[in-house]
Amino acid sequence: MKLAGKTAIVTGGGRDIGAAVAIKLASEGANVAINYFASSKGADEVVAKIEAAGGKAIAMQGDLKKPEDVQAHMSKTVEAFGAIDVLVNNAGGLVARKKVAEMDLAHWQEVLDLNLTSTFLMTNACLQHMNSGTIVNIASQAGRDGGGPGAIPYATSKGAVMTMTRGLAKELGPEIRVNALCPGMIDTDFHNIHTPDAGRRGFEANAPVKRQGHVDDAANLVLFLACDDSAFITGANIDINGGMLFS
């Protein structure tokens, strides 16, 4: 029980990587507070799975681009569990693929706010309640290689999350460690929506591991970074992409 007695917040915890992370952290003893925006059914199912296994969890709807929703999430978490020890900034998205010449400022701002501003707001609010612990950000391979077609705002925002991770590690150490994942092709709704099937099959053919990633692959790495197994790691942006990109 690597997180026994700890409390973890997982944003975007109603589906895909976020749901797997919430369940994984709870299986190691953490009380889990899940944020979701639209995945109400999924979030309720995650809470039910955690409680069925003997754990404790709550789920709250909120738009993490809004400071008032972020503060409400913090208040309910502290009220329910008394403290915050782990923050997993997972919420985000691509919204739509658009070339720079074809997008307007509203699209650019929406994607940056969804991925970057939400991470800032959650981190800022959590630090009012964290004296020690860990922060794990979900960046992306796109932050290293610029992303696929029409994904420049997304790649830019994830690159900024990687830089924020390094800066926070220096600012918050030694009490709080901050690290990030840079996932590549993980089998999620993100790629169901935004990646053509031919691209996914091509990935499987070319990746050294000959498969797409699973959400549990990402959840296992989040757990490692959230607990004391990684006690000498901070400021790292760790690739998890099946060997398709070496940084």
C-alpha atoms as a PDB file:
ATOM      1  CA  MET A   1       0.000   0.000   0.000  1.00  0.00           C
ATOM      2  CA  LYS A   2       2.356   2.661  -1.295  1.00  0.00           C
ATOM      3  CA  LEU A   3      -0.081   5.538  -0.744  1.00  0.00           C
ATOM      4  CA  ALA A   4      -1.790   4.406   2.453  1.00  0.00           C
ATOM      5  CA  GLY A   5      -3.402   7.331   4.246  1.00  0.00           C
ATOM      6  CA  LYS A   6      -2.700   9.750   1.391  1.00  0.00           C
ATOM      7  CA  THR A   7      -5.227  11.782  -0.566  1.00  0.00           C
ATOM      8  CA  ALA A   8      -4.917  12.172  -4.334  1.00  0.00           C
ATOM      9  CA  ILE A   9      -6.733  14.463  -6.738  1.00  0.00           C
ATOM     10  CA  VAL A  10      -7.050  13.155 -10.298  1.00  0.00           C
ATOM     11  CA  THR A  11      -8.397  15.577 -12.872  1.00  0.00           C
ATOM     12  CA  GLY A  12     -10.185  14.213 -15.910  1.00  0.00           C
ATOM     13  CA  GLY A  13     -10.756  11.045 -13.906  1.00  0.00           C
ATOM     14  CA  GLY A  14     -13.967   9.904 -15.574  1.00  0.00           C
ATOM     15  CA  ARG A  15     -12.380   8.045 -18.486  1.00  0.00           C
ATOM     16  CA  ASP A  16      -9.267   6.710 -20.159  1.00  0.00           C
ATOM     17  CA  ILE A  17      -5.932   7.480 -18.454  1.00  0.00           C
ATOM     18  CA  GLY A  18      -7.542   9.470 -15.654  1.00  0.00           C
ATOM     19  CA  ALA A  19      -9.909   6.660 -14.704  1.00  0.00           C
ATOM     20  CA  ALA A  20      -7.082   4.103 -14.731  1.00  0.00           C
ATOM     21  CA  VAL A  21      -4.930   6.387 -12.592  1.00  0.00           C
ATOM     22  CA  ALA A  22      -7.689   6.931 -10.027  1.00  0.00           C
ATOM     23  CA  ILE A  23      -8.271   3.194  -9.678  1.00  0.00           C
ATOM     24  CA  LYS A  24      -4.529   2.460  -9.485  1.00  0.00           C
ATOM     25  CA  LEU A  25      -3.836   5.043  -6.778  1.00  0.00           C
ATOM     26  CA  ALA A  26      -6.826   3.846  -4.768  1.00  0.00           C
ATOM     27  CA  SER A  27      -5.575   0.258  -5.016  1.00  0.00           C
ATOM     28  CA  GLU A  28      -2.416   1.436  -3.247  1.00  0.00           C
ATOM     29  CA  GLY A  29      -4.355   2.993  -0.370  1.00  0.00           C
ATOM     30  CA  ALA A  30      -5.035   6.556  -1.510  1.00  0.00           C
ATOM     31  CA  ASN A  31      -8.299   8.385  -0.953  1.00  0.00           C
ATOM     32  CA  VAL A  32      -9.153   9.737  -4.402  1.00  0.00           C
ATOM     33  CA  ALA A  33     -11.004  12.903  -5.387  1.00  0.00           C
ATOM     34  CA  ILE A  34     -11.928  12.763  -9.064  1.00  0.00           C
ATOM     35  CA  ASN A  35     -12.665  15.768 -11.186  1.00  0.00           C
ATOM     36  CA  TYR A  36     -14.659  15.378 -14.397  1.00  0.00           C
ATOM     37  CA  PHE A  37     -16.185  17.793 -16.879  1.00  0.00           C
ATOM     38  CA  ALA A  38     -18.574  15.745 -19.030  1.00  0.00           C
ATOM     39  CA  SER A  39     -17.875  12.102 -18.084  1.00  0.00           C
ATOM     40  CA  SER A  40     -20.366  11.874 -15.224  1.00  0.00           C
ATOM     41  CA  LYS A  41     -21.267   8.230 -15.822  1.00  0.00           C
ATOM     42  CA  GLY A  42     -17.634   7.212 -16.098  1.00  0.00           C
ATOM     43  CA  ALA A  43     -16.672   9.078 -12.935  1.00  0.00           C
ATOM     44  CA  ASP A  44     -19.487   7.448 -10.977  1.00  0.00           C
ATOM     45  CA  GLU A  45     -18.347   4.049 -12.243  1.00  0.00           C
ATOM     46  CA  VAL A  46     -14.786   4.721 -11.123  1.00  0.00           C
ATOM     47  CA  VAL A  47     -15.985   5.713  -7.657  1.00  0.00           C
ATOM     48  CA  ALA A  48     -18.104   2.572  -7.474  1.00  0.00           C
ATOM     49  CA  LYS A  49     -15.134   0.355  -8.433  1.00  0.00           C
ATOM     50  CA  ILE A  50     -12.928   1.979  -5.816  1.00  0.00           C
ATOM     51  CA  GLU A  51     -15.554   1.654  -3.100  1.00  0.00           C
ATOM     52  CA  ALA A  52     -16.298  -1.960  -4.067  1.00  0.00           C
ATOM     53  CA  ALA A  53     -12.613  -2.726  -3.505  1.00  0.00           C
ATOM     54  CA  GLY A  54     -12.729  -1.136  -0.047  1.00  0.00           C
ATOM     55  CA  GLY A  55     -11.337   2.268  -0.968  1.00  0.00           C
ATOM     56  CA  LYS A  56     -12.647   5.801  -0.610  1.00  0.00           C
ATOM     57  CA  ALA A  57     -13.410   8.147  -3.489  1.00  0.00           C
ATOM     58  CA  ILE A  58     -15.558  11.090  -4.463  1.00  0.00           C
ATOM     59  CA  ALA A  59     -16.299  12.616  -7.867  1.00  0.00           C
ATOM     60  CA  MET A  60     -17.063  16.255  -8.632  1.00  0.00           C
ATOM     61  CA  GLN A  61     -18.001  17.994 -11.855  1.00  0.00           C
ATOM     62  CA  GLY A  62     -16.084  21.124 -12.689  1.00  0.00           C
ATOM     63  CA  ASP A  63     -14.600  23.258 -15.447  1.00  0.00           C
ATOM     64  CA  LEU A  64     -10.939  23.594 -14.494  1.00  0.00           C
ATOM     65  CA  LYS A  65     -10.559  26.669 -16.672  1.00  0.00           C
ATOM     66  CA  LYS A  66     -12.679  28.488 -14.068  1.00  0.00           C
ATOM     67  CA  PRO A  67     -10.994  29.449 -10.771  1.00  0.00           C
ATOM     68  CA  GLU A  68     -14.261  29.122  -8.862  1.00  0.00           C
ATOM     69  CA  ASP A  69     -14.705  25.497  -9.962  1.00  0.00           C
ATOM     70  CA  VAL A  70     -11.111  24.712  -9.022  1.00  0.00           C
ATOM     71  CA  GLN A  71     -11.557  26.209  -5.556  1.00  0.00           C
ATOM     72  CA  ALA A  72     -14.797  24.285  -5.057  1.00  0.00           C
ATOM     73  CA  HIS A  73     -12.983  21.049  -5.881  1.00  0.00           C
ATOM     74  CA  MET A  74     -10.261  21.835  -3.342  1.00  0.00           C
ATOM     75  CA  SER A  75     -12.768  22.659  -0.635  1.00  0.00           C
ATOM     76  CA  LYS A  76     -14.725  19.430  -1.141  1.00  0.00           C
ATOM     77  CA  THR A  77     -11.553  17.347  -1.198  1.00  0.00           C
ATOM     78  CA  VAL A  78     -10.227  18.817   2.044  1.00  0.00           C
ATOM     79  CA  GLU A  79     -13.659  18.547   3.639  1.00  0.00           C
ATOM     80  CA  ALA A  80     -13.922  14.875   2.678  1.00  0.00           C
ATOM     81  CA  PHE A  81     -10.364  13.716   3.351  1.00  0.00           C
ATOM     82  CA  GLY A  82      -8.607  16.413   5.358  1.00  0.00           C
ATOM     83  CA  ALA A  83      -5.549  17.005   3.175  1.00  0.00           C
ATOM     84  CA  ILE A  84      -4.045  16.829  -0.302  1.00  0.00           C
ATOM     85  CA  ASP A  85      -0.886  14.801  -0.864  1.00  0.00           C
ATOM     86  CA  VAL A  86      -0.910  13.967  -4.581  1.00  0.00           C
ATOM     87  CA  LEU A  87      -2.123  16.009  -7.534  1.00  0.00           C
ATOM     88  CA  VAL A  88      -2.427  14.392 -10.967  1.00  0.00           C
ATOM     89  CA  ASN A  89      -3.061  17.038 -13.642  1.00  0.00           C
ATOM     90  CA  ASN A  90      -4.582  14.846 -16.331  1.00  0.00           C
ATOM     91  CA  ALA A  91      -7.461  16.948 -17.706  1.00  0.00           C
ATOM     92  CA  GLY A  92      -6.941  18.265 -21.218  1.00  0.00           C
ATOM     93  CA  GLY A  93      -7.587  17.688 -24.885  1.00  0.00           C
ATOM     94  CA  LEU A  94      -6.937  18.611 -28.498  1.00  0.00           C
ATOM     95  CA  VAL A  95     -10.503  19.883 -29.257  1.00  0.00           C
ATOM     96  CA  ALA A  96     -10.044  19.725 -33.040  1.00  0.00           C
ATOM     97  CA  ARG A  97      -7.311  19.502 -35.643  1.00  0.00           C
ATOM     98  CA  LYS A  98      -6.826  22.873 -37.355  1.00  0.00           C
ATOM     99  CA  LYS A  99      -3.942  24.419 -39.242  1.00  0.00           C
ATOM    100  CA  VAL A 100      -2.614  27.674 -37.820  1.00  0.00           C
ATOM    101  CA  ALA A 101      -3.642  29.595 -40.942  1.00  0.00           C
ATOM    102  CA  GLU A 102      -7.205  28.357 -40.513  1.00  0.00           C
ATOM    103  CA  MET A 103      -7.748  28.820 -36.775  1.00  0.00           C
ATOM    104  CA  ASP A 104      -8.952  31.839 -34.875  1.00  0.00           C
ATOM    105  CA  LEU A 105      -7.788  33.161 -31.529  1.00  0.00           C
ATOM    106  CA  ALA A 106     -10.739  31.561 -29.747  1.00  0.00           C
ATOM    107  CA  HIS A 107      -9.616  28.057 -30.754  1.00  0.00           C
ATOM    108  CA  TRP A 108      -5.998  28.750 -29.814  1.00  0.00           C
ATOM    109  CA  GLN A 109      -7.015  30.119 -26.409  1.00  0.00           C
ATOM    110  CA  GLU A 110      -9.441  27.280 -25.731  1.00  0.00           C
ATOM    111  CA  VAL A 111      -6.798  24.607 -26.255  1.00  0.00           C
ATOM    112  CA  LEU A 112      -4.155  26.428 -24.197  1.00  0.00           C
ATOM    113  CA  ASP A 113      -6.610  27.046 -21.377  1.00  0.00           C
ATOM    114  CA  LEU A 114      -7.780  23.434 -21.428  1.00  0.00           C
ATOM    115  CA  ASN A 115      -4.272  21.994 -21.120  1.00  0.00           C
ATOM    116  CA  LEU A 116      -2.072  24.689 -19.597  1.00  0.00           C
ATOM    117  CA  THR A 117      -4.210  27.164 -17.671  1.00  0.00           C
ATOM    118  CA  SER A 118      -6.104  24.333 -15.970  1.00  0.00           C
ATOM    119  CA  THR A 119      -2.794  22.833 -14.834  1.00  0.00           C
ATOM    120  CA  PHE A 120      -1.707  26.190 -13.407  1.00  0.00           C
ATOM    121  CA  LEU A 121      -5.028  26.782 -11.623  1.00  0.00           C
ATOM    122  CA  MET A 122      -5.119  23.314 -10.076  1.00  0.00           C
ATOM    123  CA  THR A 123      -1.495  23.492  -8.985  1.00  0.00           C
ATOM    124  CA  ASN A 124      -1.889  26.983  -7.568  1.00  0.00           C
ATOM    125  CA  ALA A 125      -4.958  25.972  -5.575  1.00  0.00           C
ATOM    126  CA  CYS A 126      -3.481  22.698  -4.335  1.00  0.00           C
ATOM    127  CA  LEU A 127      -0.377  24.430  -3.022  1.00  0.00           C
ATOM    128  CA  GLN A 128      -2.568  26.235  -0.504  1.00  0.00           C
ATOM    129  CA  HIS A 129      -3.144  22.813   1.110  1.00  0.00           C
ATOM    130  CA  MET A 130       0.066  20.864   0.356  1.00  0.00           C
ATOM    131  CA  ASN A 131       3.075  21.044   2.645  1.00  0.00           C
ATOM    132  CA  SER A 132       4.630  17.966   1.097  1.00  0.00           C
ATOM    133  CA  GLY A 133       3.782  15.394  -1.534  1.00  0.00           C
ATOM    134  CA  THR A 134       3.937  14.963  -5.282  1.00  0.00           C
ATOM    135  CA  ILE A 135       2.523  16.510  -8.430  1.00  0.00           C
ATOM    136  CA  VAL A 136       2.304  14.459 -11.618  1.00  0.00           C
ATOM    137  CA  ASN A 137       1.447  16.263 -14.846  1.00  0.00           C
ATOM    138  CA  ILE A 138       0.276  14.576 -18.014  1.00  0.00           C
ATOM    139  CA  ALA A 139       2.179  16.183 -20.879  1.00  0.00           C
ATOM    140  CA  SER A 140       2.521  14.475 -24.268  1.00  0.00           C
ATOM    141  CA  GLN A 141       4.924  13.222 -26.886  1.00  0.00           C
ATOM    142  CA  ALA A 142       3.502  16.133 -28.886  1.00  0.00           C
ATOM    143  CA  GLY A 143       5.335  18.466 -26.519  1.00  0.00           C
ATOM    144  CA  ARG A 144       8.600  16.987 -27.780  1.00  0.00           C
ATOM    145  CA  ASP A 145       7.946  16.531 -31.510  1.00  0.00           C
ATOM    146  CA  GLY A 146       5.336  19.200 -32.300  1.00  0.00           C
ATOM    147  CA  GLY A 147       2.400  16.797 -32.588  1.00  0.00           C
ATOM    148  CA  GLY A 148       0.494  15.491 -35.567  1.00  0.00           C
ATOM    149  CA  PRO A 149      -1.239  17.511 -38.302  1.00  0.00           C
ATOM    150  CA  GLY A 150      -3.388  20.341 -36.990  1.00  0.00           C
ATOM    151  CA  ALA A 151      -2.230  19.965 -33.406  1.00  0.00           C
ATOM    152  CA  ILE A 152       0.078  22.940 -32.898  1.00  0.00           C
ATOM    153  CA  PRO A 153      -1.947  24.546 -30.050  1.00  0.00           C
ATOM    154  CA  TYR A 154      -2.094  21.174 -28.289  1.00  0.00           C
ATOM    155  CA  ALA A 155       1.624  20.504 -28.772  1.00  0.00           C
ATOM    156  CA  THR A 156       2.479  24.025 -27.643  1.00  0.00           C
ATOM    157  CA  SER A 157       0.423  23.701 -24.480  1.00  0.00           C
ATOM    158  CA  LYS A 158       1.946  20.325 -23.629  1.00  0.00           C
ATOM    159  CA  GLY A 159       5.448  21.658 -24.227  1.00  0.00           C
ATOM    160  CA  ALA A 160       4.612  24.430 -21.773  1.00  0.00           C
ATOM    161  CA  VAL A 161       3.413  21.853 -19.229  1.00  0.00           C
ATOM    162  CA  MET A 162       6.816  20.159 -19.552  1.00  0.00           C
ATOM    163  CA  THR A 163       8.591  23.457 -18.881  1.00  0.00           C
ATOM    164  CA  MET A 164       6.266  24.188 -15.962  1.00  0.00           C
ATOM    165  CA  THR A 165       7.132  20.772 -14.536  1.00  0.00           C
ATOM    166  CA  ARG A 166      10.853  21.606 -14.525  1.00  0.00           C
ATOM    167  CA  GLY A 167      10.301  25.041 -12.999  1.00  0.00           C
ATOM    168  CA  LEU A 168       7.947  23.772 -10.288  1.00  0.00           C
ATOM    169  CA  ALA A 169      10.417  21.052  -9.318  1.00  0.00           C
ATOM    170  CA  LYS A 170      13.008  23.735  -8.560  1.00  0.00           C
ATOM    171  CA  GLU A 171      10.538  26.052  -6.863  1.00  0.00           C
ATOM    172  CA  LEU A 172       8.817  23.466  -4.654  1.00  0.00           C
ATOM    173  CA  GLY A 173      11.629  21.112  -3.685  1.00  0.00           C
ATOM    174  CA  PRO A 174      12.501  19.428  -1.468  1.00  0.00           C
ATOM    175  CA  GLU A 175       9.060  19.181   0.122  1.00  0.00           C
ATOM    176  CA  ILE A 176       7.118  18.599  -3.107  1.00  0.00           C
ATOM    177  CA  ARG A 177       8.370  16.658  -6.119  1.00  0.00           C
ATOM    178  CA  VAL A 178       6.988  17.417  -9.585  1.00  0.00           C
ATOM    179  CA  ASN A 179       7.268  15.150 -12.625  1.00  0.00           C
ATOM    180  CA  ALA A 180       5.396  14.535 -15.865  1.00  0.00           C
ATOM    181  CA  LEU A 181       4.534  11.791 -18.328  1.00  0.00           C
ATOM    182  CA  CYS A 182       4.877  12.295 -22.075  1.00  0.00           C
ATOM    183  CA  PRO A 183       2.527   9.637 -23.490  1.00  0.00           C
ATOM    184  CA  GLY A 184       2.599   8.627 -27.124  1.00  0.00           C
ATOM    185  CA  MET A 185       0.018   6.350 -28.712  1.00  0.00           C
ATOM    186  CA  ILE A 186      -2.126   5.180 -25.796  1.00  0.00           C
ATOM    187  CA  ASP A 187      -5.350   3.362 -26.738  1.00  0.00           C
ATOM    188  CA  THR A 188      -7.911   5.932 -25.564  1.00  0.00           C
ATOM    189  CA  ASP A 189     -10.909   7.906 -26.785  1.00  0.00           C
ATOM    190  CA  PHE A 190      -8.494  10.745 -27.560  1.00  0.00           C
ATOM    191  CA  HIS A 191      -7.082   8.705 -30.425  1.00  0.00           C
ATOM    192  CA  ASN A 192     -10.455   7.165 -31.264  1.00  0.00           C
ATOM    193  CA  ILE A 193     -11.624  10.696 -32.019  1.00  0.00           C
ATOM    194  CA  HIS A 194      -8.531  12.402 -33.383  1.00  0.00           C
ATOM    195  CA  THR A 195      -6.309   9.696 -34.956  1.00  0.00           C
ATOM    196  CA  PRO A 196      -7.236   7.753 -38.115  1.00  0.00           C
ATOM    197  CA  ASP A 197      -7.248   3.998 -37.669  1.00  0.00           C
ATOM    198  CA  ALA A 198      -4.593   3.626 -40.367  1.00  0.00           C
ATOM    199  CA  GLY A 199      -2.257   5.757 -38.261  1.00  0.00           C
ATOM    200  CA  ARG A 200      -2.771   3.543 -35.257  1.00  0.00           C
ATOM    201  CA  ARG A 201      -2.135   0.379 -37.282  1.00  0.00           C
ATOM    202  CA  GLY A 202       0.999   1.997 -38.670  1.00  0.00           C
ATOM    203  CA  PHE A 203       2.170   2.755 -35.149  1.00  0.00           C
ATOM    204  CA  GLU A 204       1.696  -0.873 -34.140  1.00  0.00           C
ATOM    205  CA  ALA A 205       3.715  -2.034 -37.135  1.00  0.00           C
ATOM    206  CA  ASN A 206       6.607   0.358 -36.510  1.00  0.00           C
ATOM    207  CA  ALA A 207       6.848   0.566 -32.724  1.00  0.00           C
ATOM    208  CA  PRO A 208       9.544  -1.602 -31.138  1.00  0.00           C
ATOM    209  CA  VAL A 209       6.938  -3.047 -28.751  1.00  0.00           C
ATOM    210  CA  LYS A 210       4.495  -3.747 -31.659  1.00  0.00           C
ATOM    211  CA  ARG A 211       1.429  -2.493 -29.814  1.00  0.00           C
ATOM    212  CA  GLN A 212      -0.350   0.637 -28.685  1.00  0.00           C
ATOM    213  CA  GLY A 213      -0.039   1.638 -25.075  1.00  0.00           C
ATOM    214  CA  HIS A 214      -2.705   0.711 -22.551  1.00  0.00           C
ATOM    215  CA  VAL A 215      -4.113   3.097 -19.975  1.00  0.00           C
ATOM    216  CA  ASP A 216      -2.667   0.851 -17.268  1.00  0.00           C
ATOM    217  CA  ASP A 217       0.817   1.451 -18.700  1.00  0.00           C
ATOM    218  CA  ALA A 218       0.341   5.134 -17.985  1.00  0.00           C
ATOM    219  CA  ALA A 219      -1.321   4.528 -14.604  1.00  0.00           C
ATOM    220  CA  ASN A 220       1.603   2.382 -13.440  1.00  0.00           C
ATOM    221  CA  LEU A 221       4.027   5.190 -14.258  1.00  0.00           C
ATOM    222  CA  VAL A 222       1.861   7.765 -12.478  1.00  0.00           C
ATOM    223  CA  LEU A 223       1.860   5.570  -9.376  1.00  0.00           C
ATOM    224  CA  PHE A 224       5.662   5.285  -9.510  1.00  0.00           C
ATOM    225  CA  LEU A 225       6.031   9.069  -9.710  1.00  0.00           C
ATOM    226  CA  ALA A 226       3.405   9.685  -7.030  1.00  0.00           C
ATOM    227  CA  CYS A 227       4.954   7.443  -4.369  1.00  0.00           C
ATOM    228  CA  ASP A 228       8.331   7.171  -2.643  1.00  0.00           C
ATOM    229  CA  ASP A 229       9.628   4.628  -5.168  1.00  0.00           C
ATOM    230  CA  SER A 230      10.685   7.673  -7.201  1.00  0.00           C
ATOM    231  CA  ALA A 231      12.009   9.684  -4.247  1.00  0.00           C
ATOM    232  CA  PHE A 232      15.132  10.883  -6.120  1.00  0.00           C
ATOM    233  CA  ILE A 233      13.281  11.935  -9.283  1.00  0.00           C
ATOM    234  CA  THR A 234      11.909  15.439  -9.775  1.00  0.00           C
ATOM    235  CA  GLY A 235      11.632  17.773 -12.749  1.00  0.00           C
ATOM    236  CA  ALA A 236      11.580  14.815 -15.146  1.00  0.00           C
ATOM    237  CA  ASN A 237       9.409  14.499 -18.248  1.00  0.00           C
ATOM    238  CA  ILE A 238       9.323  10.764 -18.823  1.00  0.00           C
ATOM    239  CA  ASP A 239       8.582   9.318 -22.259  1.00  0.00           C
ATOM    240  CA  ILE A 240       6.066   6.486 -22.486  1.00  0.00           C
ATOM    241  CA  ASN A 241       5.630   5.773 -26.171  1.00  0.00           C
ATOM    242  CA  GLY A 242       6.653   2.187 -26.925  1.00  0.00           C
ATOM    243  CA  GLY A 243      10.040   3.280 -28.231  1.00  0.00           C
ATOM    244  CA  MET A 244       8.770   5.519 -31.050  1.00  0.00           C
ATOM    245  CA  LEU A 245      10.629   8.586 -29.804  1.00  0.00           C
ATOM    246  CA  PHE A 246      13.836   8.742 -27.773  1.00  0.00           C
ATOM    247  CA  SER A 247      14.543  12.032 -26.002  1.00  0.00           C
END
